[in-house]
């Protein structure tokens, strides 16, 4: 509950109100494999699913402050284990505060870098 309130507060502080956000066509995510140290970037369209090892990452939405495409990115993600019905992570990740609402996984870290604006 506290995490959800912190996310809402961060969204409100950086965007003003929901009318000041623009929907992007996709996002750039970065992953870290904590076992071998490999970093990988994924350019995804909204609705697209990519595989990371045994994880499936779905980008639902990416939003950025209207008038400032280089501003903070807010991405709605669903991350599931391969073949799993329930998600390991479901919610909004914020580019400027990746630890605020993060995937809790023993092998992988995933975070949003930016929205794709064109």
Protein backbone atom coordinates (compact mmCIF):
# COMPACT_ATOMS: atom_id res chain seq x y z
CA UNK A 1 0.00 0.00 0.00
CA UNK A 2 2.81 2.42 0.86
CA UNK A 3 4.55 1.59 -2.43
CA UNK A 4 1.35 2.34 -4.38
CA UNK A 5 0.96 5.69 -2.62
CA UNK A 6 4.60 6.56 -3.36
CA UNK A 7 4.08 5.79 -7.04
CA UNK A 8 0.97 7.95 -7.21
CA UNK A 9 2.83 10.78 -5.47
CA UNK A 10 5.77 10.49 -7.90
CA UNK A 11 3.43 10.51 -10.91
CA UNK A 12 1.60 13.55 -9.60
CA UNK A 13 4.77 15.46 -8.73
CA UNK A 14 6.44 14.93 -12.08
CA UNK A 15 3.39 15.27 -14.31
CA UNK A 16 1.14 17.71 -12.55
CA UNK A 17 -2.06 15.86 -13.39
CA UNK A 18 -3.08 13.03 -15.69
CA UNK A 19 -4.01 15.47 -18.48
CA UNK A 20 -0.35 16.48 -18.79
CA UNK A 21 0.79 12.98 -19.84
CA UNK A 22 1.15 11.81 -23.42
CA UNK A 23 0.88 8.17 -24.48
CA UNK A 24 3.94 6.94 -26.37
CA UNK A 25 4.05 4.22 -29.01
CA UNK A 26 6.52 2.14 -26.99
CA UNK A 27 9.42 2.13 -24.57
CA UNK A 28 13.05 1.15 -24.15
CA UNK A 29 13.69 -1.24 -21.26
CA UNK A 30 16.98 -2.46 -19.87
CA UNK A 31 17.67 -5.76 -18.16
CA UNK A 32 20.54 -7.03 -16.05
CA UNK A 33 21.30 -10.72 -15.69
CA UNK A 34 22.73 -10.78 -12.16
CA UNK A 35 24.38 -14.18 -12.70
CA UNK A 36 26.59 -13.31 -15.67
CA UNK A 37 26.46 -9.50 -15.60
CA UNK A 38 24.96 -9.13 -19.09
CA UNK A 39 23.01 -5.98 -19.87
CA UNK A 40 20.45 -5.89 -22.69
CA UNK A 41 18.18 -3.16 -24.04
CA UNK A 42 14.75 -3.90 -25.52
CA UNK A 43 12.87 -1.50 -27.77
CA UNK A 44 9.23 -2.50 -27.41
CA UNK A 45 5.91 -1.34 -28.84
CA UNK A 46 2.88 -1.13 -26.57
CA UNK A 47 1.29 -4.58 -26.30
CA UNK A 48 4.50 -6.37 -27.33
CA UNK A 49 5.95 -9.27 -25.34
CA UNK A 50 9.68 -10.06 -25.21
CA UNK A 51 11.44 -13.03 -23.63
CA UNK A 52 14.25 -12.63 -21.14
CA UNK A 53 15.50 -16.08 -20.20
CA UNK A 54 12.43 -17.73 -18.68
CA UNK A 55 10.62 -14.42 -18.18
CA UNK A 56 8.03 -12.86 -20.49
CA UNK A 57 7.84 -9.06 -20.34
CA UNK A 58 4.77 -7.27 -21.71
CA UNK A 59 4.68 -3.51 -22.19
CA UNK A 60 1.12 -2.26 -21.64
CA UNK A 61 1.76 1.46 -21.89
CA UNK A 62 4.43 4.16 -21.72
CA UNK A 63 3.68 7.78 -20.83
CA UNK A 64 5.80 10.91 -20.61
CA UNK A 65 5.16 14.54 -19.63
CA UNK A 66 3.38 16.43 -22.43
CA UNK A 67 5.70 18.94 -24.03
CA UNK A 68 8.79 17.19 -22.65
CA UNK A 69 9.40 13.89 -24.50
CA UNK A 70 12.84 13.62 -22.91
CA UNK A 71 11.22 13.91 -19.48
CA UNK A 72 10.50 11.08 -17.11
CA UNK A 73 9.05 7.84 -18.53
CA UNK A 74 6.30 5.86 -16.81
CA UNK A 75 5.82 2.32 -18.14
CA UNK A 76 3.08 -0.14 -17.26
CA UNK A 77 4.53 -3.67 -17.36
CA UNK A 78 3.49 -7.26 -16.76
CA UNK A 79 6.31 -9.72 -16.12
CA UNK A 80 5.54 -13.43 -15.87
CA UNK A 81 7.53 -16.60 -15.50
CA UNK A 82 7.39 -18.76 -18.61
CA UNK A 83 4.04 -20.58 -18.63
CA UNK A 84 2.89 -18.90 -15.41
CA UNK A 85 -0.62 -17.53 -15.03
CA UNK A 86 0.06 -15.07 -12.23
CA UNK A 87 2.54 -12.24 -12.80
CA UNK A 88 5.82 -11.83 -10.92
CA UNK A 89 5.42 -8.09 -11.45
CA UNK A 90 2.47 -6.00 -12.57
CA UNK A 91 2.43 -2.23 -12.35
CA UNK A 92 4.11 1.04 -13.25
CA UNK A 93 7.87 1.53 -13.36
CA UNK A 94 9.29 5.05 -13.32
CA UNK A 95 12.52 5.75 -15.22
CA UNK A 96 13.85 8.27 -12.69
CA UNK A 97 13.06 5.99 -9.70
CA UNK A 98 13.51 2.35 -10.78
CA UNK A 99 13.73 1.06 -7.19
CA UNK A 100 10.39 2.63 -6.22
CA UNK A 101 8.42 -0.20 -7.82
CA UNK A 102 10.83 -2.89 -9.00
CA UNK A 103 10.75 -6.50 -10.16
CA UNK A 104 11.82 -8.73 -7.25
CA UNK A 105 13.59 -11.60 -9.00
CA UNK A 106 16.70 -13.57 -7.94
CA UNK A 107 18.32 -13.48 -11.39
CA UNK A 108 17.02 -10.47 -13.36
CA UNK A 109 16.56 -6.75 -12.87
CA UNK A 110 14.37 -4.93 -15.39
CA UNK A 111 13.79 -1.17 -15.59
CA UNK A 112 12.46 1.44 -18.02
CA UNK A 113 14.86 3.89 -19.68
CA UNK A 114 12.56 6.06 -21.80
CA UNK A 115 9.45 6.18 -23.95
CA UNK A 116 9.62 5.95 -27.74
CA UNK A 117 8.06 9.15 -29.03
CA UNK A 118 8.25 8.78 -32.80
